[in-house]
Amino acid sequence: MLNRIFPKQFDNIFRGHRLGLWLFVPIVLLKVLIGVRSIISAREVAQSADGIPLDTYNAAGADAVVGIFALLGLFQLLLGLLGIVALFRYRAMIPFVYLVLLFQMVANRALSVLYPITESSTSGTPPGFYVSLGILAATVLGFGLSLLNGPRSATP
């Protein structure tokens, strides 16, 4: 199993189950889209997707939150681009990228518990929570599939 996550060389042969490869595509595309949207519309994402009541903050506090969301968007975009590179050039790296994505998502959850952000009381649970939970579940499934023996995907 460790040889799948940390192969001696990154070639373009995916050795896991083919469904793990197919599941990787929408996960990576979602990471890219979330990153781009968070960079371009950081204020809107913070308020709508994550339910942060920016209008209750002073101007400097709201600007700081918006800036941090844009930086987090850049981080999401870079992870998505790493996944695209793995998908098109270094498919043996896909289990490792799954592991990196899992670590990032689980660490985000842990840090959200450690440093909670007061959310808007009128909206209930923000939709971003459910989207993140769905991506986390798909990533766990994809990671497991990438470690299984399966039919190999052909190199492009």
C-alpha atoms as a PDB file:
ATOM      1  CA  MET A   1       0.000   0.000   0.000  1.00  0.00           C
ATOM      2  CA  LEU A   2       2.782   2.473   0.805  1.00  0.00           C
ATOM      3  CA  ASN A   3       4.302   1.711  -2.603  1.00  0.00           C
ATOM      4  CA  ARG A   4       1.072   3.021  -4.167  1.00  0.00           C
ATOM      5  CA  ILE A   5       1.132   6.234  -2.143  1.00  0.00           C
ATOM      6  CA  PHE A   6       4.891   6.812  -2.398  1.00  0.00           C
ATOM      7  CA  PRO A   7       6.078   5.058  -5.579  1.00  0.00           C
ATOM      8  CA  LYS A   8       9.766   4.998  -6.439  1.00  0.00           C
ATOM      9  CA  GLN A   9       9.007   7.064  -9.526  1.00  0.00           C
ATOM     10  CA  PHE A  10       6.017   9.000 -10.782  1.00  0.00           C
ATOM     11  CA  ASP A  11       5.134   7.574 -14.181  1.00  0.00           C
ATOM     12  CA  ASN A  12       1.878   7.922 -16.075  1.00  0.00           C
ATOM     13  CA  ILE A  13       0.442   4.530 -15.103  1.00  0.00           C
ATOM     14  CA  PHE A  14      -2.416   4.505 -12.602  1.00  0.00           C
ATOM     15  CA  ARG A  15      -2.275   1.180 -10.767  1.00  0.00           C
ATOM     16  CA  GLY A  16      -5.436   1.524  -8.685  1.00  0.00           C
ATOM     17  CA  HIS A  17      -9.020   0.727  -9.543  1.00  0.00           C
ATOM     18  CA  ARG A  18     -10.286   2.642 -12.578  1.00  0.00           C
ATOM     19  CA  LEU A  19     -13.190   4.131 -10.586  1.00  0.00           C
ATOM     20  CA  GLY A  20     -10.633   5.845  -8.352  1.00  0.00           C
ATOM     21  CA  LEU A  21      -9.296   7.601 -11.429  1.00  0.00           C
ATOM     22  CA  TRP A  22     -12.745   8.594 -12.659  1.00  0.00           C
ATOM     23  CA  LEU A  23     -13.724   9.900  -9.230  1.00  0.00           C
ATOM     24  CA  PHE A  24     -10.526  11.947  -9.105  1.00  0.00           C
ATOM     25  CA  VAL A  25     -11.610  14.066 -12.076  1.00  0.00           C
ATOM     26  CA  PRO A  26     -14.693  15.751 -10.517  1.00  0.00           C
ATOM     27  CA  ILE A  27     -12.918  16.174  -7.172  1.00  0.00           C
ATOM     28  CA  VAL A  28     -10.030  18.012  -8.811  1.00  0.00           C
ATOM     29  CA  LEU A  29     -12.339  20.086 -11.007  1.00  0.00           C
ATOM     30  CA  LEU A  30     -14.375  21.088  -7.946  1.00  0.00           C
ATOM     31  CA  LYS A  31     -11.179  22.133  -6.151  1.00  0.00           C
ATOM     32  CA  VAL A  32     -10.227  24.311  -9.121  1.00  0.00           C
ATOM     33  CA  LEU A  33     -13.710  25.848  -9.389  1.00  0.00           C
ATOM     34  CA  ILE A  34     -13.938  26.481  -5.644  1.00  0.00           C
ATOM     35  CA  GLY A  35     -10.495  28.079  -5.718  1.00  0.00           C
ATOM     36  CA  VAL A  36     -11.239  30.337  -8.674  1.00  0.00           C
ATOM     37  CA  ARG A  37     -14.603  31.390  -7.256  1.00  0.00           C
ATOM     38  CA  SER A  38     -13.064  32.092  -3.849  1.00  0.00           C
ATOM     39  CA  ILE A  39     -10.397  34.286  -5.434  1.00  0.00           C
ATOM     40  CA  ILE A  40     -12.758  36.204  -7.718  1.00  0.00           C
ATOM     41  CA  SER A  41     -15.757  36.519  -5.354  1.00  0.00           C
ATOM     42  CA  ALA A  42     -14.225  36.129  -1.901  1.00  0.00           C
ATOM     43  CA  ARG A  43     -16.800  38.341  -0.162  1.00  0.00           C
ATOM     44  CA  GLU A  44     -19.767  36.535  -1.718  1.00  0.00           C
ATOM     45  CA  VAL A  45     -18.315  33.084  -0.942  1.00  0.00           C
ATOM     46  CA  ALA A  46     -17.631  34.028   2.672  1.00  0.00           C
ATOM     47  CA  GLN A  47     -21.201  35.247   3.139  1.00  0.00           C
ATOM     48  CA  SER A  48     -23.188  32.759   1.073  1.00  0.00           C
ATOM     49  CA  ALA A  49     -21.294  29.460   0.982  1.00  0.00           C
ATOM     50  CA  ASP A  50     -19.736  29.707   4.443  1.00  0.00           C
ATOM     51  CA  GLY A  51     -22.363  31.825   6.182  1.00  0.00           C
ATOM     52  CA  ILE A  52     -19.989  34.367   7.703  1.00  0.00           C
ATOM     53  CA  PRO A  53     -21.925  37.536   8.650  1.00  0.00           C
ATOM     54  CA  LEU A  54     -19.473  40.095   7.263  1.00  0.00           C
ATOM     55  CA  ASP A  55     -21.976  42.924   7.741  1.00  0.00           C
ATOM     56  CA  THR A  56     -21.667  42.474  11.528  1.00  0.00           C
ATOM     57  CA  TYR A  57     -17.892  43.081  11.410  1.00  0.00           C
ATOM     58  CA  ASN A  58     -16.235  46.465  11.208  1.00  0.00           C
ATOM     59  CA  ALA A  59     -14.773  47.363   7.803  1.00  0.00           C
ATOM     60  CA  ALA A  60     -11.223  46.291   8.675  1.00  0.00           C
ATOM     61  CA  GLY A  61     -12.397  42.943  10.083  1.00  0.00           C
ATOM     62  CA  ALA A  62     -14.563  42.216   7.064  1.00  0.00           C
ATOM     63  CA  ASP A  63     -11.712  43.137   4.717  1.00  0.00           C
ATOM     64  CA  ALA A  64      -9.368  40.810   6.633  1.00  0.00           C
ATOM     65  CA  VAL A  65     -11.820  37.909   6.307  1.00  0.00           C
ATOM     66  CA  VAL A  66     -12.267  38.593   2.586  1.00  0.00           C
ATOM     67  CA  GLY A  67      -8.493  38.675   2.101  1.00  0.00           C
ATOM     68  CA  ILE A  68      -8.067  35.383   3.935  1.00  0.00           C
ATOM     69  CA  PHE A  69     -10.793  33.805   1.797  1.00  0.00           C
ATOM     70  CA  ALA A  70      -8.980  34.910  -1.359  1.00  0.00           C
ATOM     71  CA  LEU A  71      -5.750  33.381  -0.033  1.00  0.00           C
ATOM     72  CA  LEU A  72      -7.569  30.152   0.821  1.00  0.00           C
ATOM     73  CA  GLY A  73      -8.988  30.191  -2.697  1.00  0.00           C
ATOM     74  CA  LEU A  74      -5.460  30.360  -4.069  1.00  0.00           C
ATOM     75  CA  PHE A  75      -4.539  27.362  -1.906  1.00  0.00           C
ATOM     76  CA  GLN A  76      -7.554  25.412  -3.244  1.00  0.00           C
ATOM     77  CA  LEU A  77      -6.649  26.364  -6.805  1.00  0.00           C
ATOM     78  CA  LEU A  78      -3.058  25.182  -6.368  1.00  0.00           C
ATOM     79  CA  LEU A  79      -4.217  21.828  -4.970  1.00  0.00           C
ATOM     80  CA  GLY A  80      -6.563  21.450  -7.921  1.00  0.00           C
ATOM     81  CA  LEU A  81      -3.795  22.286 -10.385  1.00  0.00           C
ATOM     82  CA  LEU A  82      -1.542  19.718  -8.699  1.00  0.00           C
ATOM     83  CA  GLY A  83      -4.313  17.183  -9.273  1.00  0.00           C
ATOM     84  CA  ILE A  84      -4.584  18.169 -12.942  1.00  0.00           C
ATOM     85  CA  VAL A  85      -0.827  17.688 -13.390  1.00  0.00           C
ATOM     86  CA  ALA A  86      -1.120  14.263 -11.764  1.00  0.00           C
ATOM     87  CA  LEU A  87      -4.088  13.375 -13.956  1.00  0.00           C
ATOM     88  CA  PHE A  88      -2.436  14.249 -17.246  1.00  0.00           C
ATOM     89  CA  ARG A  89       1.244  13.545 -16.649  1.00  0.00           C
ATOM     90  CA  TYR A  90       1.954  11.597 -13.440  1.00  0.00           C
ATOM     91  CA  ARG A  91      -0.957   9.250 -12.785  1.00  0.00           C
ATOM     92  CA  ALA A  92       1.087   7.146 -10.361  1.00  0.00           C
ATOM     93  CA  MET A  93       0.946  10.229  -8.127  1.00  0.00           C
ATOM     94  CA  ILE A  94      -2.868  10.173  -7.801  1.00  0.00           C
ATOM     95  CA  PRO A  95      -2.975   8.161  -4.519  1.00  0.00           C
ATOM     96  CA  PHE A  96      -0.493  10.646  -3.029  1.00  0.00           C
ATOM     97  CA  VAL A  97      -2.616  13.603  -4.180  1.00  0.00           C
ATOM     98  CA  TYR A  98      -5.686  11.923  -2.680  1.00  0.00           C
ATOM     99  CA  LEU A  99      -3.778  11.659   0.603  1.00  0.00           C
ATOM    100  CA  VAL A 100      -2.783  15.343   0.458  1.00  0.00           C
ATOM    101  CA  LEU A 101      -6.403  16.331  -0.244  1.00  0.00           C
ATOM    102  CA  LEU A 102      -7.626  14.165   2.635  1.00  0.00           C
ATOM    103  CA  PHE A 103      -5.095  15.657   5.010  1.00  0.00           C
ATOM    104  CA  GLN A 104      -6.106  19.165   3.963  1.00  0.00           C
ATOM    105  CA  MET A 105      -9.825  18.489   4.411  1.00  0.00           C
ATOM    106  CA  VAL A 106      -9.490  16.719   7.764  1.00  0.00           C
ATOM    107  CA  ALA A 107      -7.133  19.438   9.029  1.00  0.00           C
ATOM    108  CA  ASN A 108      -9.662  22.079   7.923  1.00  0.00           C
ATOM    109  CA  ARG A 109     -12.358  20.313   9.954  1.00  0.00           C
ATOM    110  CA  ALA A 110     -10.086  20.068  12.998  1.00  0.00           C
ATOM    111  CA  LEU A 111      -9.077  23.721  12.777  1.00  0.00           C
ATOM    112  CA  SER A 112     -12.722  24.746  12.370  1.00  0.00           C
ATOM    113  CA  VAL A 113     -13.482  23.044  15.675  1.00  0.00           C
ATOM    114  CA  LEU A 114     -10.419  24.534  17.351  1.00  0.00           C
ATOM    115  CA  TYR A 115     -11.080  28.055  16.000  1.00  0.00           C
ATOM    116  CA  PRO A 116     -14.841  28.294  15.354  1.00  0.00           C
ATOM    117  CA  ILE A 117     -16.225  31.173  13.309  1.00  0.00           C
ATOM    118  CA  THR A 118     -19.585  32.579  14.309  1.00  0.00           C
ATOM    119  CA  GLU A 119     -21.937  32.003  11.418  1.00  0.00           C
ATOM    120  CA  SER A 120     -25.032  33.898  10.469  1.00  0.00           C
ATOM    121  CA  SER A 121     -27.861  32.823  12.776  1.00  0.00           C
ATOM    122  CA  THR A 122     -30.574  33.264  10.142  1.00  0.00           C
ATOM    123  CA  SER A 123     -29.279  30.865   7.524  1.00  0.00           C
ATOM    124  CA  GLY A 124     -28.676  27.706   9.589  1.00  0.00           C
ATOM    125  CA  THR A 125     -25.906  25.440   8.375  1.00  0.00           C
ATOM    126  CA  PRO A 126     -24.194  27.076   5.410  1.00  0.00           C
ATOM    127  CA  PRO A 127     -24.288  25.162   2.090  1.00  0.00           C
ATOM    128  CA  GLY A 128     -20.486  25.083   1.907  1.00  0.00           C
ATOM    129  CA  PHE A 129     -20.477  22.669   4.851  1.00  0.00           C
ATOM    130  CA  TYR A 130     -22.491  20.097   2.905  1.00  0.00           C
ATOM    131  CA  VAL A 131     -20.463  20.584  -0.276  1.00  0.00           C
ATOM    132  CA  SER A 132     -17.237  20.067   1.695  1.00  0.00           C
ATOM    133  CA  LEU A 133     -18.687  16.994   3.379  1.00  0.00           C
ATOM    134  CA  GLY A 134     -19.617  15.513  -0.019  1.00  0.00           C
ATOM    135  CA  ILE A 135     -16.146  16.201  -1.426  1.00  0.00           C
ATOM    136  CA  LEU A 136     -14.596  14.643   1.692  1.00  0.00           C
ATOM    137  CA  ALA A 137     -16.704  11.484   1.297  1.00  0.00           C
ATOM    138  CA  ALA A 138     -15.842  11.223  -2.408  1.00  0.00           C
ATOM    139  CA  THR A 139     -12.151  11.737  -1.616  1.00  0.00           C
ATOM    140  CA  VAL A 140     -12.151   8.985   1.023  1.00  0.00           C
ATOM    141  CA  LEU A 141     -13.826   6.626  -1.458  1.00  0.00           C
ATOM    142  CA  GLY A 142     -11.467   7.605  -4.266  1.00  0.00           C
ATOM    143  CA  PHE A 143      -8.415   7.183  -2.054  1.00  0.00           C
ATOM    144  CA  GLY A 144      -9.535   3.672  -1.102  1.00  0.00           C
ATOM    145  CA  LEU A 145     -10.165   2.791  -4.739  1.00  0.00           C
ATOM    146  CA  SER A 146      -6.777   4.162  -5.769  1.00  0.00           C
ATOM    147  CA  LEU A 147      -5.104   1.701  -3.400  1.00  0.00           C
ATOM    148  CA  LEU A 148      -6.992  -1.342  -4.735  1.00  0.00           C
ATOM    149  CA  ASN A 149      -5.759  -3.493  -7.564  1.00  0.00           C
ATOM    150  CA  GLY A 150      -7.894  -2.959 -10.585  1.00  0.00           C
ATOM    151  CA  PRO A 151      -7.893  -2.720 -14.324  1.00  0.00           C
ATOM    152  CA  ARG A 152      -5.185  -0.308 -15.329  1.00  0.00           C
ATOM    153  CA  SER A 153      -5.992   2.802 -17.241  1.00  0.00           C
ATOM    154  CA  ALA A 154      -4.043   3.220 -20.430  1.00  0.00           C
ATOM    155  CA  THR A 155      -1.597   6.044 -20.731  1.00  0.00           C
ATOM    156  CA  PRO A 156      -2.848   8.795 -23.037  1.00  0.00           C
END
